[in-house]
Structures are given as structure tokens and as C-alpha cells.
Amino acid sequence: MDRYWDVDGKYSHGVLKEYKHWILELSYRQHTLGSFILFAKREIENLHEMTAEESEELKYAMKEMEAVLHRTFKPDKFNYWQMGNGLSRLHFHGIPRYKEEREYAGKIRKDESWGSIPKWSFTEVDSSLLKRMGDELLKEFK
């Protein structure tokens, strides 16, 4: 698996699933509980460069991850960002949104910007927390 965005393997504990055209990982910046990223495997930068097969698989991967998160953290909706500012290769940030706070790993998690643009976090979460979350979510994939 070519994880071009993490050549040193610093965030490899966040990998959830490899698809034919995409790699799904938990974000090491948990903007909200369960934030994730879908990375294109092929070297493309723009939506219009996706093949029909890549597009269909992207929709499938998003739907699958949303279902997993609904079973675990029960978000109220999802936001997706595709910007390509720091990493130009095509990838999507999935940000679950929560109207009410959630408790996870002994802490209250609050979506500080519910009803507005998601608040972007620049704080990296502890790798053990990300691994714990990943292990729990992996059990929900069918």
C-alpha cells in the first residue's frame, strides 16, 4: 500500500480499509469524533480526473464509513472537504457532525461549530487513542 501522504509511517495506525482505488484512514486531527480521510491511490488532483469506477467506489466508501460511524458514534450528519492545499493529490476529509456532545474514551467531545462550517483542528490526537478508535470501528465493517 503506497501511503504517499505519510512516507515515514507516522500515522499508519489510522488505516481502516484499502479499496481498489481509495485508502480510508482515521484523521490524526480529530476535528470531530470519527473524522476520517479518503485518499485516492492514483496520482490525480482534481475531481474531473476521476474515472467512473473511482467515483462509484468513492461513493461506496463514503456510504460504508458513514454506516460504521452511525453504528458507533451516531453523528447527525456529515460534511466533506476536498481542498488540496497542503497535499495536492486528491483526498477527501470526512467530518461527522454532532448536534449534541458525545462521550468517548472518558472525555466529552463537543462539535463546537455545529450548524456552521466545521472548526478545523491543528492538534494531533494521541496515537493510542486513534488506534483504540480504529480497532472499535474496524469491528463494524461488514
N, C-alpha and C. Protein backbone atom coordinates (compact mmCIF):
# COMPACT_ATOMS: atom_id res chain seq x y z
N MET A 1 0.85 -1.18 0.00
CA MET A 1 0.00 0.00 0.00
C MET A 1 0.90 1.24 0.00
N ASP A 2 0.73 2.08 -0.99
CA ASP A 2 1.51 3.31 -1.11
C ASP A 2 0.78 4.43 -0.37
N ARG A 3 1.27 4.76 0.82
CA ARG A 3 0.69 5.86 1.60
C ARG A 3 1.57 7.10 1.40
N TYR A 4 1.47 7.70 0.21
CA TYR A 4 2.32 8.81 -0.21
C TYR A 4 2.22 10.03 0.71
N TRP A 5 1.16 10.16 1.46
CA TRP A 5 0.96 11.29 2.36
C TRP A 5 1.67 11.08 3.70
N ASP A 6 2.18 9.87 3.94
CA ASP A 6 2.79 9.53 5.23
C ASP A 6 3.97 8.59 4.98
N VAL A 7 4.98 9.08 4.31
CA VAL A 7 6.10 8.22 3.90
C VAL A 7 6.87 7.64 5.08
N ASP A 8 6.85 8.30 6.23
CA ASP A 8 7.54 7.80 7.41
C ASP A 8 6.69 6.83 8.23
N GLY A 9 5.42 6.66 7.86
CA GLY A 9 4.54 5.74 8.58
C GLY A 9 4.12 6.23 9.95
N LYS A 10 4.23 7.52 10.19
CA LYS A 10 3.89 8.09 11.50
C LYS A 10 2.41 7.88 11.86
N TYR A 11 1.53 7.83 10.84
CA TYR A 11 0.10 7.74 11.11
C TYR A 11 -0.51 6.43 10.60
N SER A 12 0.31 5.42 10.42
CA SER A 12 -0.19 4.16 9.85
C SER A 12 -1.20 3.45 10.74
N HIS A 13 -1.22 3.76 12.03
CA HIS A 13 -2.19 3.14 12.94
C HIS A 13 -3.61 3.64 12.68
N GLY A 14 -3.77 4.63 11.81
CA GLY A 14 -5.10 5.14 11.49
C GLY A 14 -5.75 4.46 10.29
N VAL A 15 -5.02 3.58 9.60
CA VAL A 15 -5.57 2.91 8.42
C VAL A 15 -6.76 2.03 8.81
N LEU A 16 -7.86 2.21 8.10
CA LEU A 16 -9.05 1.40 8.35
C LEU A 16 -9.30 0.39 7.24
N LYS A 17 -9.17 0.83 5.98
CA LYS A 17 -9.52 -0.07 4.89
C LYS A 17 -8.86 0.39 3.59
N GLU A 18 -8.43 -0.60 2.82
CA GLU A 18 -7.91 -0.31 1.49
C GLU A 18 -8.91 -0.83 0.46
N TYR A 19 -9.32 0.05 -0.42
CA TYR A 19 -10.20 -0.30 -1.53
C TYR A 19 -9.34 -0.41 -2.79
N LYS A 20 -9.93 -0.72 -3.90
CA LYS A 20 -9.18 -0.81 -5.15
C LYS A 20 -8.57 0.55 -5.53
N HIS A 21 -9.35 1.64 -5.33
CA HIS A 21 -8.92 2.97 -5.77
C HIS A 21 -8.70 3.97 -4.63
N TRP A 22 -9.03 3.60 -3.40
CA TRP A 22 -9.01 4.54 -2.28
C TRP A 22 -8.43 3.87 -1.03
N ILE A 23 -7.88 4.69 -0.14
CA ILE A 23 -7.46 4.23 1.17
C ILE A 23 -8.19 5.08 2.20
N LEU A 24 -8.81 4.41 3.16
CA LEU A 24 -9.60 5.06 4.20
C LEU A 24 -8.81 5.04 5.51
N GLU A 25 -8.65 6.21 6.10
CA GLU A 25 -7.95 6.33 7.37
C GLU A 25 -8.68 7.26 8.32
N LEU A 26 -8.52 7.01 9.60
CA LEU A 26 -8.95 7.99 10.59
C LEU A 26 -8.00 9.17 10.50
N SER A 27 -8.51 10.35 10.68
CA SER A 27 -7.67 11.54 10.66
C SER A 27 -6.93 11.66 11.98
N TYR A 28 -5.65 11.95 11.93
CA TYR A 28 -4.88 12.16 13.16
C TYR A 28 -5.24 13.51 13.80
N ARG A 29 -6.02 14.29 13.09
CA ARG A 29 -6.61 15.51 13.65
C ARG A 29 -8.11 15.25 13.73
N GLN A 30 -8.58 14.94 14.88
CA GLN A 30 -10.00 14.62 15.05
C GLN A 30 -10.78 15.93 15.19
N HIS A 31 -11.11 16.53 14.06
CA HIS A 31 -11.86 17.78 14.05
C HIS A 31 -13.16 17.60 14.83
N THR A 32 -13.81 16.47 14.59
CA THR A 32 -14.92 15.99 15.42
C THR A 32 -14.69 14.49 15.57
N LEU A 33 -15.38 13.89 16.48
CA LEU A 33 -15.23 12.47 16.78
C LEU A 33 -15.48 11.63 15.53
N GLY A 34 -14.46 10.85 15.13
CA GLY A 34 -14.59 9.96 13.98
C GLY A 34 -14.19 10.57 12.65
N SER A 35 -13.54 11.73 12.66
CA SER A 35 -13.11 12.36 11.40
C SER A 35 -12.18 11.41 10.65
N PHE A 36 -12.34 11.38 9.33
CA PHE A 36 -11.59 10.44 8.50
C PHE A 36 -11.16 11.09 7.20
N ILE A 37 -10.28 10.39 6.47
CA ILE A 37 -9.80 10.87 5.18
C ILE A 37 -9.82 9.71 4.19
N LEU A 38 -10.28 9.99 2.99
CA LEU A 38 -10.21 9.03 1.88
C LEU A 38 -9.19 9.56 0.88
N PHE A 39 -8.12 8.79 0.65
CA PHE A 39 -7.04 9.18 -0.25
C PHE A 39 -7.15 8.41 -1.56
N ALA A 40 -7.07 9.12 -2.68
CA ALA A 40 -7.02 8.45 -3.98
C ALA A 40 -5.68 7.74 -4.11
N LYS A 41 -5.71 6.53 -4.63
CA LYS A 41 -4.47 5.79 -4.83
C LYS A 41 -3.74 6.24 -6.09
N ARG A 42 -4.52 6.63 -7.08
CA ARG A 42 -3.93 7.08 -8.34
C ARG A 42 -3.49 8.54 -8.21
N GLU A 43 -2.47 8.91 -8.95
CA GLU A 43 -1.93 10.26 -8.87
C GLU A 43 -2.79 11.23 -9.67
N ILE A 44 -3.84 11.74 -9.01
CA ILE A 44 -4.72 12.74 -9.61
C ILE A 44 -4.93 13.87 -8.60
N GLU A 45 -5.32 15.04 -9.13
CA GLU A 45 -5.50 16.20 -8.25
C GLU A 45 -6.93 16.74 -8.25
N ASN A 46 -7.69 16.46 -9.29
CA ASN A 46 -8.99 17.11 -9.44
C ASN A 46 -10.11 16.09 -9.59
N LEU A 47 -11.30 16.50 -9.16
CA LEU A 47 -12.47 15.62 -9.27
C LEU A 47 -12.72 15.17 -10.70
N HIS A 48 -12.56 16.05 -11.64
CA HIS A 48 -12.86 15.72 -13.04
C HIS A 48 -11.89 14.69 -13.63
N GLU A 49 -10.81 14.40 -12.92
CA GLU A 49 -9.86 13.40 -13.39
C GLU A 49 -10.24 11.98 -12.95
N MET A 50 -11.22 11.87 -12.06
CA MET A 50 -11.63 10.54 -11.60
C MET A 50 -12.30 9.77 -12.72
N THR A 51 -12.03 8.47 -12.76
CA THR A 51 -12.76 7.60 -13.67
C THR A 51 -14.14 7.32 -13.06
N ALA A 52 -15.04 6.78 -13.85
CA ALA A 52 -16.36 6.41 -13.34
C ALA A 52 -16.22 5.37 -12.23
N GLU A 53 -15.30 4.44 -12.41
CA GLU A 53 -15.10 3.40 -11.40
C GLU A 53 -14.58 3.99 -10.09
N GLU A 54 -13.66 4.94 -10.17
CA GLU A 54 -13.15 5.60 -8.97
C GLU A 54 -14.26 6.38 -8.27
N SER A 55 -15.08 7.05 -9.05
CA SER A 55 -16.19 7.82 -8.50
C SER A 55 -17.20 6.92 -7.79
N GLU A 56 -17.55 5.83 -8.41
CA GLU A 56 -18.51 4.89 -7.80
C GLU A 56 -17.94 4.29 -6.52
N GLU A 57 -16.67 3.94 -6.54
CA GLU A 57 -16.07 3.37 -5.34
C GLU A 57 -15.96 4.40 -4.23
N LEU A 58 -15.69 5.65 -4.57
CA LEU A 58 -15.65 6.72 -3.57
C LEU A 58 -17.00 6.83 -2.87
N LYS A 59 -18.08 6.82 -3.66
CA LYS A 59 -19.42 6.89 -3.06
C LYS A 59 -19.66 5.69 -2.14
N TYR A 60 -19.24 4.52 -2.59
CA TYR A 60 -19.40 3.31 -1.78
C TYR A 60 -18.62 3.42 -0.46
N ALA A 61 -17.36 3.88 -0.54
CA ALA A 61 -16.52 4.01 0.65
C ALA A 61 -17.11 5.04 1.63
N MET A 62 -17.60 6.16 1.11
CA MET A 62 -18.22 7.17 1.97
C MET A 62 -19.45 6.59 2.67
N LYS A 63 -20.28 5.91 1.90
CA LYS A 63 -21.50 5.31 2.45
C LYS A 63 -21.15 4.27 3.51
N GLU A 64 -20.15 3.46 3.23
CA GLU A 64 -19.75 2.42 4.19
C GLU A 64 -19.24 3.04 5.48
N MET A 65 -18.38 4.06 5.38
CA MET A 65 -17.85 4.70 6.58
C MET A 65 -18.94 5.42 7.35
N GLU A 66 -19.86 6.07 6.65
CA GLU A 66 -20.97 6.72 7.34
C GLU A 66 -21.78 5.70 8.13
N ALA A 67 -22.04 4.53 7.55
CA ALA A 67 -22.81 3.49 8.24
C ALA A 67 -22.06 3.00 9.48
N VAL A 68 -20.76 2.81 9.36
CA VAL A 68 -19.95 2.38 10.51
C VAL A 68 -20.02 3.42 11.62
N LEU A 69 -19.88 4.69 11.27
CA LEU A 69 -19.93 5.74 12.28
C LEU A 69 -21.33 5.89 12.88
N HIS A 70 -22.37 5.69 12.07
CA HIS A 70 -23.74 5.73 12.61
C HIS A 70 -23.94 4.64 13.66
N ARG A 71 -23.34 3.48 13.44
CA ARG A 71 -23.48 2.38 14.41
C ARG A 71 -22.67 2.62 15.68
N THR A 72 -21.62 3.41 15.60
CA THR A 72 -20.76 3.61 16.76
C THR A 72 -21.00 4.94 17.48
N PHE A 73 -20.83 6.05 16.80
CA PHE A 73 -20.90 7.37 17.44
C PHE A 73 -22.21 8.13 17.16
N LYS A 74 -22.98 7.64 16.21
CA LYS A 74 -24.28 8.22 15.88
C LYS A 74 -24.24 9.71 15.54
N PRO A 75 -23.44 10.10 14.54
CA PRO A 75 -23.44 11.52 14.13
C PRO A 75 -24.78 11.90 13.51
N ASP A 76 -25.05 13.20 13.54
CA ASP A 76 -26.31 13.72 12.98
C ASP A 76 -26.22 13.99 11.49
N LYS A 77 -25.02 14.22 10.99
CA LYS A 77 -24.80 14.45 9.55
C LYS A 77 -23.31 14.38 9.26
N PHE A 78 -22.95 14.53 7.99
CA PHE A 78 -21.55 14.50 7.58
C PHE A 78 -21.26 15.69 6.68
N ASN A 79 -20.07 16.24 6.83
CA ASN A 79 -19.55 17.24 5.91
C ASN A 79 -18.30 16.65 5.26
N TYR A 80 -18.08 17.03 4.00
CA TYR A 80 -16.89 16.59 3.28
C TYR A 80 -16.15 17.79 2.73
N TRP A 81 -14.83 17.76 2.90
CA TRP A 81 -13.98 18.81 2.36
C TRP A 81 -12.96 18.19 1.41
N GLN A 82 -12.77 18.84 0.27
CA GLN A 82 -11.74 18.45 -0.67
C GLN A 82 -11.06 19.74 -1.07
N MET A 83 -9.87 19.98 -0.53
CA MET A 83 -9.20 21.26 -0.75
C MET A 83 -7.89 21.13 -1.51
N GLY A 84 -7.03 20.21 -1.10
CA GLY A 84 -5.77 20.01 -1.80
C GLY A 84 -4.74 21.10 -1.59
N ASN A 85 -4.79 21.80 -0.46
CA ASN A 85 -3.84 22.88 -0.23
C ASN A 85 -2.47 22.38 0.23
N GLY A 86 -2.45 21.54 1.25
CA GLY A 86 -1.19 21.01 1.77
C GLY A 86 -0.73 19.78 1.01
N LEU A 87 -1.67 18.99 0.57
CA LEU A 87 -1.39 17.77 -0.19
C LEU A 87 -2.23 17.86 -1.45
N SER A 88 -1.56 18.01 -2.59
CA SER A 88 -2.31 18.30 -3.81
C SER A 88 -3.01 17.07 -4.40
N ARG A 89 -2.55 15.86 -4.08
CA ARG A 89 -3.23 14.68 -4.62
C ARG A 89 -4.62 14.56 -4.01
N LEU A 90 -5.54 14.07 -4.81
CA LEU A 90 -6.96 14.05 -4.45
C LEU A 90 -7.22 13.24 -3.17
N HIS A 91 -7.88 13.89 -2.23
CA HIS A 91 -8.31 13.25 -0.99
C HIS A 91 -9.48 14.04 -0.42
N PHE A 92 -10.27 13.36 0.38
CA PHE A 92 -11.48 13.95 0.97
C PHE A 92 -11.45 13.80 2.48
N HIS A 93 -11.74 14.89 3.18
CA HIS A 93 -11.87 14.85 4.62
C HIS A 93 -13.34 14.64 4.97
N GLY A 94 -13.64 13.59 5.68
CA GLY A 94 -14.99 13.32 6.16
C GLY A 94 -15.10 13.79 7.60
N ILE A 95 -16.05 14.67 7.85
CA ILE A 95 -16.19 15.25 9.19
C ILE A 95 -17.60 14.98 9.70
N PRO A 96 -17.72 14.01 10.62
CA PRO A 96 -19.04 13.75 11.23
C PRO A 96 -19.46 14.97 12.05
N ARG A 97 -20.74 15.28 12.03
CA ARG A 97 -21.24 16.44 12.77
C ARG A 97 -22.22 15.98 13.84
N TYR A 98 -22.16 16.64 14.99
CA TYR A 98 -22.93 16.25 16.16
C TYR A 98 -23.68 17.44 16.75
N LYS A 99 -24.98 17.31 16.82
CA LYS A 99 -25.79 18.36 17.42
C LYS A 99 -25.54 18.43 18.93
N GLU A 100 -25.36 17.26 19.54
CA GLU A 100 -25.13 17.19 20.98
C GLU A 100 -23.78 16.52 21.25
N GLU A 101 -23.21 16.81 22.40
CA GLU A 101 -21.90 16.25 22.74
C GLU A 101 -21.96 14.74 22.90
N ARG A 102 -20.80 14.11 22.73
CA ARG A 102 -20.64 12.67 22.89
C ARG A 102 -19.52 12.42 23.88
N GLU A 103 -19.62 11.33 24.59
CA GLU A 103 -18.53 10.91 25.48
C GLU A 103 -17.77 9.80 24.78
N TYR A 104 -16.45 9.94 24.75
CA TYR A 104 -15.62 8.88 24.19
C TYR A 104 -14.28 8.86 24.92
N ALA A 105 -13.87 7.68 25.32
CA ALA A 105 -12.58 7.47 25.99
C ALA A 105 -12.44 8.37 27.22
N GLY A 106 -13.54 8.49 27.96
CA GLY A 106 -13.52 9.24 29.20
C GLY A 106 -13.53 10.75 29.07
N LYS A 107 -13.74 11.24 27.83
CA LYS A 107 -13.80 12.69 27.62
C LYS A 107 -15.07 13.07 26.89
N ILE A 108 -15.56 14.25 27.18
CA ILE A 108 -16.71 14.79 26.47
C ILE A 108 -16.20 15.39 25.17
N ARG A 109 -16.82 14.99 24.06
CA ARG A 109 -16.45 15.50 22.73
C ARG A 109 -17.60 16.35 22.23
N LYS A 110 -17.32 17.61 21.96
CA LYS A 110 -18.35 18.55 21.53
C LYS A 110 -18.02 19.10 20.15
N ASP A 111 -19.00 19.11 19.29
CA ASP A 111 -18.86 19.72 17.96
C ASP A 111 -19.08 21.22 18.16
N GLU A 112 -17.98 21.94 18.33
CA GLU A 112 -18.03 23.37 18.69
C GLU A 112 -18.68 24.25 17.63
N SER A 113 -18.74 23.77 16.41
CA SER A 113 -19.28 24.62 15.35
C SER A 113 -20.52 24.01 14.69
N TRP A 114 -21.26 23.21 15.44
CA TRP A 114 -22.49 22.61 14.89
C TRP A 114 -23.35 23.69 14.25
N GLY A 115 -23.87 23.42 13.07
CA GLY A 115 -24.74 24.36 12.37
C GLY A 115 -23.98 25.37 11.53
N SER A 116 -22.65 25.22 11.49
CA SER A 116 -21.82 26.14 10.72
C SER A 116 -20.69 25.34 10.07
N ILE A 117 -19.71 26.05 9.54
CA ILE A 117 -18.54 25.40 8.94
C ILE A 117 -17.79 24.68 10.04
N PRO A 118 -17.33 23.45 9.79
CA PRO A 118 -16.60 22.72 10.83
C PRO A 118 -15.35 23.48 11.28
N LYS A 119 -15.09 23.40 12.56
CA LYS A 119 -13.88 24.01 13.12
C LYS A 119 -12.71 23.08 12.80
N TRP A 120 -11.70 23.60 12.12
CA TRP A 120 -10.54 22.82 11.72
C TRP A 120 -9.56 22.74 12.88
N SER A 121 -9.19 21.54 13.28
CA SER A 121 -8.25 21.35 14.37
C SER A 121 -6.85 21.15 13.82
N PHE A 122 -5.87 21.75 14.47
CA PHE A 122 -4.48 21.55 14.11
C PHE A 122 -3.76 20.70 15.16
N THR A 123 -4.54 20.16 16.09
CA THR A 123 -3.98 19.34 17.15
C THR A 123 -4.02 17.88 16.77
N GLU A 124 -2.87 17.22 16.88
CA GLU A 124 -2.81 15.79 16.61
C GLU A 124 -3.25 15.02 17.85
N VAL A 125 -4.11 14.03 17.65
CA VAL A 125 -4.54 13.21 18.78
C VAL A 125 -3.47 12.16 19.08
N ASP A 126 -3.49 11.69 20.30
CA ASP A 126 -2.56 10.65 20.73
C ASP A 126 -2.75 9.39 19.89
N SER A 127 -1.66 8.79 19.47
CA SER A 127 -1.74 7.62 18.60
C SER A 127 -2.48 6.45 19.26
N SER A 128 -2.38 6.32 20.58
CA SER A 128 -3.09 5.23 21.26
C SER A 128 -4.60 5.44 21.20
N LEU A 129 -5.05 6.69 21.27
CA LEU A 129 -6.48 6.98 21.13
C LEU A 129 -6.95 6.66 19.71
N LEU A 130 -6.15 7.04 18.73
CA LEU A 130 -6.51 6.77 17.34
C LEU A 130 -6.56 5.27 17.08
N LYS A 131 -5.61 4.54 17.64
CA LYS A 131 -5.60 3.08 17.48
C LYS A 131 -6.82 2.47 18.14
N ARG A 132 -7.15 2.92 19.32
CA ARG A 132 -8.34 2.40 20.03
C ARG A 132 -9.60 2.65 19.19
N MET A 133 -9.73 3.86 18.70
CA MET A 133 -10.89 4.20 17.89
C MET A 133 -10.93 3.35 16.62
N GLY A 134 -9.78 3.21 15.98
CA GLY A 134 -9.70 2.40 14.76
C GLY A 134 -10.08 0.96 15.01
N ASP A 135 -9.60 0.38 16.10
CA ASP A 135 -9.93 -1.00 16.44
C ASP A 135 -11.43 -1.17 16.64
N GLU A 136 -12.06 -0.21 17.30
CA GLU A 136 -13.50 -0.27 17.54
C GLU A 136 -14.28 -0.15 16.22
N LEU A 137 -13.85 0.76 15.36
CA LEU A 137 -14.56 0.95 14.10
C LEU A 137 -14.37 -0.24 13.17
N LEU A 138 -13.19 -0.83 13.17
CA LEU A 138 -12.94 -1.99 12.30
C LEU A 138 -13.91 -3.14 12.57
N LYS A 139 -14.33 -3.27 13.81
CA LYS A 139 -15.28 -4.34 14.16
C LYS A 139 -16.63 -4.14 13.50
N GLU A 140 -16.91 -2.91 13.07
CA GLU A 140 -18.21 -2.58 12.49
C GLU A 140 -18.26 -2.71 10.97
N PHE A 141 -17.09 -2.87 10.33
CA PHE A 141 -17.08 -3.05 8.88
C PHE A 141 -17.60 -4.44 8.56
N LYS A 142 -18.43 -4.53 7.52
CA LYS A 142 -19.00 -5.84 7.15
C LYS A 142 -18.35 -6.38 5.92
